[in-house]
Amino acid sequence: MNNSFLIIVFLVGFALGVFFFGGLWYSVKKAVVSTKPLLWTFGSFFIRMSLTVLTFYFAGGEDWRRFLAVLIGFMAGRFTVIHITKTIDARHAEQKTEI
């Protein structure tokens, strides 16, 4: 197994982390103002978990290094989404106080 393949698997994990945690943030925002919050909550959960488990299974394979690369990429995506969403929420809070 070469390092370039591990980098690709890391990037797959990163994209998955951005999808999972970005989708979580988005679905919570939508569920709060929706008339059907249960649908947003469970629908989003099912889609995000299904895709995450399948991606970990296929990208991780039977090699612990690939699985670790996917996991580290997933966590890097998580921290990226946390940073971006804090910035977005801070901007919205500033706009509300200015009005």
PDB file of N, CA and C in Angstrom:
ATOM      1  N   MET A   1       0.847  -1.168   0.000  1.00  0.00           N
ATOM      2  CA  MET A   1       0.000   0.000   0.000  1.00  0.00           C
ATOM      3  C   MET A   1       0.898   1.238   0.000  1.00  0.00           C
ATOM      4  N   ASN A   2       0.668   2.113  -0.952  1.00  0.00           N
ATOM      5  CA  ASN A   2       1.506   3.298  -1.045  1.00  0.00           C
ATOM      6  C   ASN A   2       0.831   4.502  -0.373  1.00  0.00           C
ATOM      7  N   ASN A   3       1.620   5.529  -0.153  1.00  0.00           N
ATOM      8  CA  ASN A   3       1.129   6.695   0.576  1.00  0.00           C
ATOM      9  C   ASN A   3       0.115   7.504  -0.220  1.00  0.00           C
ATOM     10  N   SER A   4       0.210   7.499  -1.530  1.00  0.00           N
ATOM     11  CA  SER A   4      -0.747   8.278  -2.320  1.00  0.00           C
ATOM     12  C   SER A   4      -2.163   7.720  -2.165  1.00  0.00           C
ATOM     13  N   PHE A   5      -2.295   6.410  -2.033  1.00  0.00           N
ATOM     14  CA  PHE A   5      -3.610   5.813  -1.812  1.00  0.00           C
ATOM     15  C   PHE A   5      -4.156   6.190  -0.435  1.00  0.00           C
ATOM     16  N   LEU A   6      -3.278   6.247   0.557  1.00  0.00           N
ATOM     17  CA  LEU A   6      -3.710   6.667   1.895  1.00  0.00           C
ATOM     18  C   LEU A   6      -4.160   8.121   1.903  1.00  0.00           C
ATOM     19  N   ILE A   7      -3.526   8.953   1.091  1.00  0.00           N
ATOM     20  CA  ILE A   7      -3.942  10.354   0.992  1.00  0.00           C
ATOM     21  C   ILE A   7      -5.337  10.450   0.371  1.00  0.00           C
ATOM     22  N   ILE A   8      -5.586   9.630  -0.634  1.00  0.00           N
ATOM     23  CA  ILE A   8      -6.914   9.614  -1.256  1.00  0.00           C
ATOM     24  C   ILE A   8      -7.959   9.152  -0.251  1.00  0.00           C
ATOM     25  N   VAL A   9      -7.647   8.118   0.517  1.00  0.00           N
ATOM     26  CA  VAL A   9      -8.578   7.624   1.528  1.00  0.00           C
ATOM     27  C   VAL A   9      -8.800   8.682   2.608  1.00  0.00           C
ATOM     28  N   PHE A  10      -7.747   9.406   2.980  1.00  0.00           N
ATOM     29  CA  PHE A  10      -7.886  10.510   3.931  1.00  0.00           C
ATOM     30  C   PHE A  10      -8.847  11.569   3.394  1.00  0.00           C
ATOM     31  N   LEU A  11      -8.700  11.920   2.114  1.00  0.00           N
ATOM     32  CA  LEU A  11      -9.578  12.924   1.511  1.00  0.00           C
ATOM     33  C   LEU A  11     -11.025  12.439   1.430  1.00  0.00           C
ATOM     34  N   VAL A  12     -11.210  11.156   1.211  1.00  0.00           N
ATOM     35  CA  VAL A  12     -12.563  10.587   1.244  1.00  0.00           C
ATOM     36  C   VAL A  12     -13.142  10.741   2.644  1.00  0.00           C
ATOM     37  N   GLY A  13     -12.357  10.454   3.657  1.00  0.00           N
ATOM     38  CA  GLY A  13     -12.802  10.623   5.040  1.00  0.00           C
ATOM     39  C   GLY A  13     -13.090  12.072   5.369  1.00  0.00           C
ATOM     40  N   PHE A  14     -12.269  12.975   4.841  1.00  0.00           N
ATOM     41  CA  PHE A  14     -12.488  14.407   5.069  1.00  0.00           C
ATOM     42  C   PHE A  14     -13.815  14.852   4.456  1.00  0.00           C
ATOM     43  N   ALA A  15     -14.053  14.444   3.215  1.00  0.00           N
ATOM     44  CA  ALA A  15     -15.319  14.793   2.548  1.00  0.00           C
ATOM     45  C   ALA A  15     -16.500  14.192   3.295  1.00  0.00           C
ATOM     46  N   LEU A  16     -16.334  12.985   3.793  1.00  0.00           N
ATOM     47  CA  LEU A  16     -17.396  12.341   4.560  1.00  0.00           C
ATOM     48  C   LEU A  16     -17.670  13.090   5.863  1.00  0.00           C
ATOM     49  N   GLY A  17     -16.610  13.533   6.533  1.00  0.00           N
ATOM     50  CA  GLY A  17     -16.787  14.300   7.763  1.00  0.00           C
ATOM     51  C   GLY A  17     -17.494  15.619   7.519  1.00  0.00           C
ATOM     52  N   VAL A  18     -17.131  16.285   6.428  1.00  0.00           N
ATOM     53  CA  VAL A  18     -17.802  17.547   6.082  1.00  0.00           C
ATOM     54  C   VAL A  18     -19.273  17.281   5.775  1.00  0.00           C
ATOM     55  N   PHE A  19     -19.546  16.217   5.021  1.00  0.00           N
ATOM     56  CA  PHE A  19     -20.932  15.866   4.713  1.00  0.00           C
ATOM     57  C   PHE A  19     -21.710  15.534   5.982  1.00  0.00           C
ATOM     58  N   PHE A  20     -21.134  14.702   6.847  1.00  0.00           N
ATOM     59  CA  PHE A  20     -21.846  14.238   8.037  1.00  0.00           C
ATOM     60  C   PHE A  20     -22.142  15.386   8.989  1.00  0.00           C
ATOM     61  N   PHE A  21     -21.101  16.119   9.387  1.00  0.00           N
ATOM     62  CA  PHE A  21     -21.297  17.168  10.382  1.00  0.00           C
ATOM     63  C   PHE A  21     -21.923  18.427   9.797  1.00  0.00           C
ATOM     64  N   GLY A  22     -21.658  18.709   8.526  1.00  0.00           N
ATOM     65  CA  GLY A  22     -22.355  19.804   7.863  1.00  0.00           C
ATOM     66  C   GLY A  22     -23.835  19.491   7.710  1.00  0.00           C
ATOM     67  N   GLY A  23     -24.144  18.251   7.379  1.00  0.00           N
ATOM     68  CA  GLY A  23     -25.535  17.823   7.289  1.00  0.00           C
ATOM     69  C   GLY A  23     -26.230  17.854   8.629  1.00  0.00           C
ATOM     70  N   LEU A  24     -25.509  17.500   9.679  1.00  0.00           N
ATOM     71  CA  LEU A  24     -26.070  17.572  11.033  1.00  0.00           C
ATOM     72  C   LEU A  24     -26.412  19.011  11.388  1.00  0.00           C
ATOM     73  N   TRP A  25     -25.478  19.916  11.137  1.00  0.00           N
ATOM     74  CA  TRP A  25     -25.707  21.336  11.430  1.00  0.00           C
ATOM     75  C   TRP A  25     -26.900  21.869  10.637  1.00  0.00           C
ATOM     76  N   TYR A  26     -26.939  21.524   9.364  1.00  0.00           N
ATOM     77  CA  TYR A  26     -28.025  22.005   8.493  1.00  0.00           C
ATOM     78  C   TYR A  26     -29.376  21.440   8.928  1.00  0.00           C
ATOM     79  N   SER A  27     -29.421  20.149   9.243  1.00  0.00           N
ATOM     80  CA  SER A  27     -30.699  19.542   9.607  1.00  0.00           C
ATOM     81  C   SER A  27     -31.209  20.061  10.949  1.00  0.00           C
ATOM     82  N   VAL A  28     -30.326  20.363  11.872  1.00  0.00           N
ATOM     83  CA  VAL A  28     -30.757  20.953  13.146  1.00  0.00           C
ATOM     84  C   VAL A  28     -31.306  22.350  12.913  1.00  0.00           C
ATOM     85  N   LYS A  29     -30.635  23.132  12.076  1.00  0.00           N
ATOM     86  CA  LYS A  29     -31.143  24.469  11.740  1.00  0.00           C
ATOM     87  C   LYS A  29     -32.526  24.383  11.106  1.00  0.00           C
ATOM     88  N   LYS A  30     -32.712  23.447  10.191  1.00  0.00           N
ATOM     89  CA  LYS A  30     -33.999  23.298   9.520  1.00  0.00           C
ATOM     90  C   LYS A  30     -35.071  22.740  10.453  1.00  0.00           C
ATOM     91  N   ALA A  31     -34.699  21.795  11.316  1.00  0.00           N
ATOM     92  CA  ALA A  31     -35.678  21.168  12.209  1.00  0.00           C
ATOM     93  C   ALA A  31     -36.250  22.165  13.211  1.00  0.00           C
ATOM     94  N   VAL A  32     -35.462  23.142  13.615  1.00  0.00           N
ATOM     95  CA  VAL A  32     -35.922  24.123  14.597  1.00  0.00           C
ATOM     96  C   VAL A  32     -37.066  24.966  14.049  1.00  0.00           C
ATOM     97  N   VAL A  33     -37.024  25.300  12.773  1.00  0.00           N
ATOM     98  CA  VAL A  33     -38.048  26.171  12.188  1.00  0.00           C
ATOM     99  C   VAL A  33     -39.073  25.403  11.358  1.00  0.00           C
ATOM    100  N   SER A  34     -38.934  24.100  11.230  1.00  0.00           N
ATOM    101  CA  SER A  34     -39.808  23.306  10.380  1.00  0.00           C
ATOM    102  C   SER A  34     -41.114  22.954  11.088  1.00  0.00           C
ATOM    103  N   THR A  35     -42.123  22.679  10.273  1.00  0.00           N
ATOM    104  CA  THR A  35     -43.383  22.182  10.832  1.00  0.00           C
ATOM    105  C   THR A  35     -43.314  20.675  11.070  1.00  0.00           C
ATOM    106  N   LYS A  36     -42.302  20.011  10.491  1.00  0.00           N
ATOM    107  CA  LYS A  36     -42.114  18.568  10.674  1.00  0.00           C
ATOM    108  C   LYS A  36     -40.677  18.293  11.128  1.00  0.00           C
ATOM    109  N   PRO A  37     -40.339  18.657  12.374  1.00  0.00           N
ATOM    110  CA  PRO A  37     -38.952  18.477  12.818  1.00  0.00           C
ATOM    111  C   PRO A  37     -38.547  17.015  12.953  1.00  0.00           C
ATOM    112  N   LEU A  38     -39.498  16.142  13.245  1.00  0.00           N
ATOM    113  CA  LEU A  38     -39.170  14.727  13.373  1.00  0.00           C
ATOM    114  C   LEU A  38     -38.686  14.145  12.043  1.00  0.00           C
ATOM    115  N   LEU A  39     -39.308  14.569  10.964  1.00  0.00           N
ATOM    116  CA  LEU A  39     -38.882  14.112   9.643  1.00  0.00           C
ATOM    117  C   LEU A  39     -37.471  14.593   9.326  1.00  0.00           C
ATOM    118  N   TRP A  40     -37.181  15.843   9.615  1.00  0.00           N
ATOM    119  CA  TRP A  40     -35.834  16.374   9.392  1.00  0.00           C
ATOM    120  C   TRP A  40     -34.804  15.624  10.239  1.00  0.00           C
ATOM    121  N   THR A  41     -35.140  15.388  11.491  1.00  0.00           N
ATOM    122  CA  THR A  41     -34.190  14.762  12.409  1.00  0.00           C
ATOM    123  C   THR A  41     -33.883  13.323  12.009  1.00  0.00           C
ATOM    124  N   PHE A  42     -34.923  12.509  11.890  1.00  0.00           N
ATOM    125  CA  PHE A  42     -34.693  11.094  11.602  1.00  0.00           C
ATOM    126  C   PHE A  42     -34.308  10.840  10.148  1.00  0.00           C
ATOM    127  N   GLY A  43     -34.855  11.628   9.230  1.00  0.00           N
ATOM    128  CA  GLY A  43     -34.467  11.479   7.829  1.00  0.00           C
ATOM    129  C   GLY A  43     -32.999  11.791   7.623  1.00  0.00           C
ATOM    130  N   SER A  44     -32.561  12.884   8.211  1.00  0.00           N
ATOM    131  CA  SER A  44     -31.153  13.269   8.108  1.00  0.00           C
ATOM    132  C   SER A  44     -30.259  12.239   8.786  1.00  0.00           C
ATOM    133  N   PHE A  45     -30.675  11.776   9.952  1.00  0.00           N
ATOM    134  CA  PHE A  45     -29.884  10.785  10.676  1.00  0.00           C
ATOM    135  C   PHE A  45     -29.710   9.515   9.847  1.00  0.00           C
ATOM    136  N   PHE A  46     -30.798   9.027   9.257  1.00  0.00           N
ATOM    137  CA  PHE A  46     -30.729   7.799   8.471  1.00  0.00           C
ATOM    138  C   PHE A  46     -29.818   7.955   7.259  1.00  0.00           C
ATOM    139  N   ILE A  47     -29.949   9.046   6.558  1.00  0.00           N
ATOM    140  CA  ILE A  47     -29.123   9.277   5.363  1.00  0.00           C
ATOM    141  C   ILE A  47     -27.656   9.430   5.742  1.00  0.00           C
ATOM    142  N   ARG A  48     -27.379  10.258   6.760  1.00  0.00           N
ATOM    143  CA  ARG A  48     -25.990  10.491   7.152  1.00  0.00           C
ATOM    144  C   ARG A  48     -25.323   9.225   7.685  1.00  0.00           C
ATOM    145  N   MET A  49     -26.025   8.474   8.527  1.00  0.00           N
ATOM    146  CA  MET A  49     -25.434   7.268   9.094  1.00  0.00           C
ATOM    147  C   MET A  49     -25.232   6.182   8.038  1.00  0.00           C
ATOM    148  N   SER A  50     -26.199   6.029   7.143  1.00  0.00           N
ATOM    149  CA  SER A  50     -26.070   5.010   6.098  1.00  0.00           C
ATOM    150  C   SER A  50     -24.847   5.278   5.228  1.00  0.00           C
ATOM    151  N   LEU A  51     -24.727   6.516   4.773  1.00  0.00           N
ATOM    152  CA  LEU A  51     -23.593   6.857   3.919  1.00  0.00           C
ATOM    153  C   LEU A  51     -22.267   6.745   4.677  1.00  0.00           C
ATOM    154  N   THR A  52     -22.261   7.141   5.933  1.00  0.00           N
ATOM    155  CA  THR A  52     -21.033   7.087   6.726  1.00  0.00           C
ATOM    156  C   THR A  52     -20.569   5.654   6.961  1.00  0.00           C
ATOM    157  N   VAL A  53     -21.479   4.793   7.355  1.00  0.00           N
ATOM    158  CA  VAL A  53     -21.108   3.401   7.622  1.00  0.00           C
ATOM    159  C   VAL A  53     -20.639   2.713   6.337  1.00  0.00           C
ATOM    160  N   LEU A  54     -21.359   2.928   5.248  1.00  0.00           N
ATOM    161  CA  LEU A  54     -20.950   2.318   3.980  1.00  0.00           C
ATOM    162  C   LEU A  54     -19.588   2.820   3.518  1.00  0.00           C
ATOM    163  N   THR A  55     -19.357   4.116   3.654  1.00  0.00           N
ATOM    164  CA  THR A  55     -18.074   4.664   3.225  1.00  0.00           C
ATOM    165  C   THR A  55     -16.933   4.147   4.090  1.00  0.00           C
ATOM    166  N   PHE A  56     -17.140   4.090   5.395  1.00  0.00           N
ATOM    167  CA  PHE A  56     -16.105   3.529   6.272  1.00  0.00           C
ATOM    168  C   PHE A  56     -15.837   2.077   5.911  1.00  0.00           C
ATOM    169  N   TYR A  57     -16.865   1.332   5.609  1.00  0.00           N
ATOM    170  CA  TYR A  57     -16.712  -0.083   5.280  1.00  0.00           C
ATOM    171  C   TYR A  57     -15.904  -0.274   3.996  1.00  0.00           C
ATOM    172  N   PHE A  58     -16.264   0.467   2.953  1.00  0.00           N
ATOM    173  CA  PHE A  58     -15.596   0.277   1.668  1.00  0.00           C
ATOM    174  C   PHE A  58     -14.235   0.974   1.602  1.00  0.00           C
ATOM    175  N   ALA A  59     -14.119   2.171   2.176  1.00  0.00           N
ATOM    176  CA  ALA A  59     -12.842   2.881   2.111  1.00  0.00           C
ATOM    177  C   ALA A  59     -11.835   2.295   3.094  1.00  0.00           C
ATOM    178  N   GLY A  60     -12.310   1.867   4.253  1.00  0.00           N
ATOM    179  CA  GLY A  60     -11.423   1.300   5.255  1.00  0.00           C
ATOM    180  C   GLY A  60     -10.950  -0.090   4.894  1.00  0.00           C
ATOM    181  N   GLY A  61     -11.846  -0.860   4.306  1.00  0.00           N
ATOM    182  CA  GLY A  61     -11.483  -2.216   3.900  1.00  0.00           C
ATOM    183  C   GLY A  61     -11.032  -3.062   5.075  1.00  0.00           C
ATOM    184  N   GLU A  62     -10.090  -3.914   4.804  1.00  0.00           N
ATOM    185  CA  GLU A  62      -9.562  -4.795   5.841  1.00  0.00           C
ATOM    186  C   GLU A  62      -8.187  -4.352   6.326  1.00  0.00           C
ATOM    187  N   ASP A  63      -7.793  -3.172   5.966  1.00  0.00           N
ATOM    188  CA  ASP A  63      -6.475  -2.673   6.346  1.00  0.00           C
ATOM    189  C   ASP A  63      -6.631  -1.592   7.410  1.00  0.00           C
ATOM    190  N   TRP A  64      -5.961  -1.763   8.524  1.00  0.00           N
ATOM    191  CA  TRP A  64      -6.108  -0.820   9.622  1.00  0.00           C
ATOM    192  C   TRP A  64      -5.562   0.550   9.268  1.00  0.00           C
ATOM    193  N   ARG A  65      -4.580   0.635   8.367  1.00  0.00           N
ATOM    194  CA  ARG A  65      -4.038   1.936   7.969  1.00  0.00           C
ATOM    195  C   ARG A  65      -5.050   2.720   7.150  1.00  0.00           C
ATOM    196  N   ARG A  66      -5.761   2.030   6.268  1.00  0.00           N
ATOM    197  CA  ARG A  66      -6.815   2.705   5.492  1.00  0.00           C
ATOM    198  C   ARG A  66      -7.939   3.171   6.404  1.00  0.00           C
ATOM    199  N   PHE A  67      -8.339   2.309   7.333  1.00  0.00           N
ATOM    200  CA  PHE A  67      -9.405   2.680   8.264  1.00  0.00           C
ATOM    201  C   PHE A  67      -8.984   3.881   9.108  1.00  0.00           C
ATOM    202  N   LEU A  68      -7.740   3.892   9.558  1.00  0.00           N
ATOM    203  CA  LEU A  68      -7.236   5.010  10.350  1.00  0.00           C
ATOM    204  C   LEU A  68      -7.184   6.292   9.518  1.00  0.00           C
ATOM    205  N   ALA A  69      -6.794   6.171   8.256  1.00  0.00           N
ATOM    206  CA  ALA A  69      -6.765   7.348   7.378  1.00  0.00           C
ATOM    207  C   ALA A  69      -8.162   7.915   7.170  1.00  0.00           C
ATOM    208  N   VAL A  70      -9.154   7.050   6.991  1.00  0.00           N
ATOM    209  CA  VAL A  70     -10.539   7.509   6.848  1.00  0.00           C
ATOM    210  C   VAL A  70     -10.999   8.184   8.134  1.00  0.00           C
ATOM    211  N   LEU A  71     -10.676   7.593   9.257  1.00  0.00           N
ATOM    212  CA  LEU A  71     -11.089   8.146  10.545  1.00  0.00           C
ATOM    213  C   LEU A  71     -10.448   9.506  10.811  1.00  0.00           C
ATOM    214  N   ILE A  72      -9.170   9.633  10.532  1.00  0.00           N
ATOM    215  CA  ILE A  72      -8.492  10.919  10.740  1.00  0.00           C
ATOM    216  C   ILE A  72      -9.051  11.973   9.789  1.00  0.00           C
ATOM    217  N   GLY A  73      -9.322  11.599   8.550  1.00  0.00           N
ATOM    218  CA  GLY A  73      -9.950  12.521   7.606  1.00  0.00           C
ATOM    219  C   GLY A  73     -11.337  12.931   8.064  1.00  0.00           C
ATOM    220  N   PHE A  74     -12.093  11.983   8.586  1.00  0.00           N
ATOM    221  CA  PHE A  74     -13.438  12.250   9.099  1.00  0.00           C
ATOM    222  C   PHE A  74     -13.378  13.268  10.241  1.00  0.00           C
ATOM    223  N   MET A  75     -12.446  13.091  11.138  1.00  0.00           N
ATOM    224  CA  MET A  75     -12.311  14.020  12.267  1.00  0.00           C
ATOM    225  C   MET A  75     -11.802  15.388  11.803  1.00  0.00           C
ATOM    226  N   ALA A  76     -10.934  15.412  10.810  1.00  0.00           N
ATOM    227  CA  ALA A  76     -10.482  16.694  10.250  1.00  0.00           C
ATOM    228  C   ALA A  76     -11.652  17.432   9.608  1.00  0.00           C
ATOM    229  N   GLY A  77     -12.536  16.706   8.945  1.00  0.00           N
ATOM    230  CA  GLY A  77     -13.742  17.308   8.386  1.00  0.00           C
ATOM    231  C   GLY A  77     -14.642  17.852   9.477  1.00  0.00           C
ATOM    232  N   ARG A  78     -14.711  17.143  10.588  1.00  0.00           N
ATOM    233  CA  ARG A  78     -15.507  17.605  11.733  1.00  0.00           C
ATOM    234  C   ARG A  78     -14.987  18.937  12.246  1.00  0.00           C
ATOM    235  N   PHE A  79     -13.684  19.027  12.467  1.00  0.00           N
ATOM    236  CA  PHE A  79     -13.119  20.275  12.983  1.00  0.00           C
ATOM    237  C   PHE A  79     -13.271  21.421  11.987  1.00  0.00           C
ATOM    238  N   THR A  80     -13.197  21.113  10.711  1.00  0.00           N
ATOM    239  CA  THR A  80     -13.401  22.134   9.681  1.00  0.00           C
ATOM    240  C   THR A  80     -14.824  22.669   9.725  1.00  0.00           C
ATOM    241  N   VAL A  81     -15.799  21.777   9.820  1.00  0.00           N
ATOM    242  CA  VAL A  81     -17.200  22.201   9.878  1.00  0.00           C
ATOM    243  C   VAL A  81     -17.466  23.002  11.152  1.00  0.00           C
ATOM    244  N   ILE A  82     -16.900  22.592  12.259  1.00  0.00           N
ATOM    245  CA  ILE A  82     -17.078  23.347  13.506  1.00  0.00           C
ATOM    246  C   ILE A  82     -16.551  24.762  13.335  1.00  0.00           C
ATOM    247  N   HIS A  83     -15.379  24.900  12.744  1.00  0.00           N
ATOM    248  CA  HIS A  83     -14.796  26.232  12.542  1.00  0.00           C
ATOM    249  C   HIS A  83     -15.668  27.079  11.617  1.00  0.00           C
ATOM    250  N   ILE A  84     -16.116  26.500  10.524  1.00  0.00           N
ATOM    251  CA  ILE A  84     -16.926  27.253   9.561  1.00  0.00           C
ATOM    252  C   ILE A  84     -18.268  27.644  10.144  1.00  0.00           C
ATOM    253  N   THR A  85     -18.928  26.713  10.841  1.00  0.00           N
ATOM    254  CA  THR A  85     -20.250  27.024  11.381  1.00  0.00           C
ATOM    255  C   THR A  85     -20.180  28.033  12.521  1.00  0.00           C
ATOM    256  N   LYS A  86     -19.115  28.021  13.291  1.00  0.00           N
ATOM    257  CA  LYS A  86     -18.960  29.059  14.322  1.00  0.00           C
ATOM    258  C   LYS A  86     -18.829  30.432  13.668  1.00  0.00           C
ATOM    259  N   THR A  87     -18.091  30.502  12.574  1.00  0.00           N
ATOM    260  CA  THR A  87     -17.933  31.765  11.852  1.00  0.00           C
ATOM    261  C   THR A  87     -19.270  32.235  11.286  1.00  0.00           C
ATOM    262  N   ILE A  88     -20.026  31.323  10.703  1.00  0.00           N
ATOM    263  CA  ILE A  88     -21.330  31.669  10.130  1.00  0.00           C
ATOM    264  C   ILE A  88     -22.285  32.129  11.228  1.00  0.00           C
ATOM    265  N   ASP A  89     -22.335  31.390  12.335  1.00  0.00           N
ATOM    266  CA  ASP A  89     -23.237  31.764  13.428  1.00  0.00           C
ATOM    267  C   ASP A  89     -22.841  33.101  14.048  1.00  0.00           C
ATOM    268  N   ALA A  90     -21.542  33.373  14.131  1.00  0.00           N
ATOM    269  CA  ALA A  90     -21.092  34.655  14.678  1.00  0.00           C
ATOM    270  C   ALA A  90     -21.503  35.804  13.763  1.00  0.00           C
ATOM    271  N   ARG A  91     -21.418  35.604  12.474  1.00  0.00           N
ATOM    272  CA  ARG A  91     -21.843  36.647  11.524  1.00  0.00           C
ATOM    273  C   ARG A  91     -23.336  36.910  11.637  1.00  0.00           C
ATOM    274  N   HIS A  92     -24.118  35.855  11.793  1.00  0.00           N
ATOM    275  CA  HIS A  92     -25.566  36.037  11.931  1.00  0.00           C
ATOM    276  C   HIS A  92     -25.903  36.750  13.239  1.00  0.00           C
ATOM    277  N   ALA A  93     -25.168  36.458  14.292  1.00  0.00           N
ATOM    278  CA  ALA A  93     -25.412  37.133  15.562  1.00  0.00           C
ATOM    279  C   ALA A  93     -25.065  38.618  15.463  1.00  0.00           C
ATOM    280  N   GLU A  94     -23.994  38.960  14.743  1.00  0.00           N
ATOM    281  CA  GLU A  94     -23.632  40.354  14.548  1.00  0.00           C
ATOM    282  C   GLU A  94     -24.693  41.092  13.739  1.00  0.00           C
ATOM    283  N   GLN A  95     -25.213  40.434  12.722  1.00  0.00           N
ATOM    284  CA  GLN A  95     -26.242  41.069  11.892  1.00  0.00           C
ATOM    285  C   GLN A  95     -27.523  41.307  12.668  1.00  0.00           C
ATOM    286  N   LYS A  96     -27.862  40.417  13.581  1.00  0.00           N
ATOM    287  CA  LYS A  96     -29.075  40.595  14.376  1.00  0.00           C
ATOM    288  C   LYS A  96     -28.930  41.737  15.363  1.00  0.00           C
ATOM    289  N   THR A  97     -27.741  41.931  15.905  1.00  0.00           N
ATOM    290  CA  THR A  97     -27.541  43.017  16.860  1.00  0.00           C
ATOM    291  C   THR A  97     -27.484  44.379  16.169  1.00  0.00           C
ATOM    292  N   GLU A  98     -27.087  44.413  14.892  1.00  0.00           N
ATOM    293  CA  GLU A  98     -27.004  45.670  14.156  1.00  0.00           C
ATOM    294  C   GLU A  98     -28.374  46.171  13.734  1.00  0.00           C
ATOM    295  N   ILE A  99     -29.314  45.274  13.595  1.00  0.00           N
ATOM    296  CA  ILE A  99     -30.647  45.666  13.106  1.00  0.00           C
ATOM    297  C   ILE A  99     -31.478  46.235  14.178  1.00  0.00           C
TER     298      ILE A  99
END
